[in-house]
C-alpha cells in the first residue's frame, strides 16, 4: 500500500511540475508581448458584448467574439482569462496579420456551480495594442432549470456592437 501511495504522490507532483512550467511559459509570453511597445498595433472588436438569450440549466454553449487587426503590425492575443470557473476561454494563438480577423471563444458550462437566473460573465483579453493592452469581453443571458440542448452561438451581423481601440 505504501508503494502505491508513493507512486500516486510522485505522479501528482510530476503533474504539478508540468502545469507550473506551462503557466510559466504563458506568463513569459505575456510579459514579452506587453513589453514590446515598438510592435503595438490597433484592434477593433466586431462583437465584444453578446447576449446568448435563455438556456437550460446544464447546457454548455460557446460564445464567439471576433476582432480585427486595424493596425500595421501583427496583432497578438497573448492571453484570454475568464472571470470564473464556469467559463473556459480560447483564442487565436497565431499572430493576426493587419486587416485580418481573430477569434476569442468563451465556453460556458451553465451547470458548473451556477444557479438558475441572469448571467453576466467576462473574459479579459491581453493583446499588443496601443492605448490599452487589456480588453473585456462580456456575455449575458439567462439560465433556467431543464434539460441540456448544447449549442454554439454565432455572431449575428444585425446585432454586432463595434468598439474600436486606438
Foldseek 3Di string as FASTA:
>chain_A
DVVVVVVVVVVVVVVVVVVVVVVVVLVVLLVVLQVPLVQAFWKKWQAQEEEPAEFEQFAKEKEKTKMATQGQHWKAFSDKAKPDDQKDKDWDHDTAHHGGMIMIMIIGGNNPPHDWFKDKIWIWIAMRHPPDRIDIGIYIYTYHHDDYDYYYDDDDVVPTDMDIDD
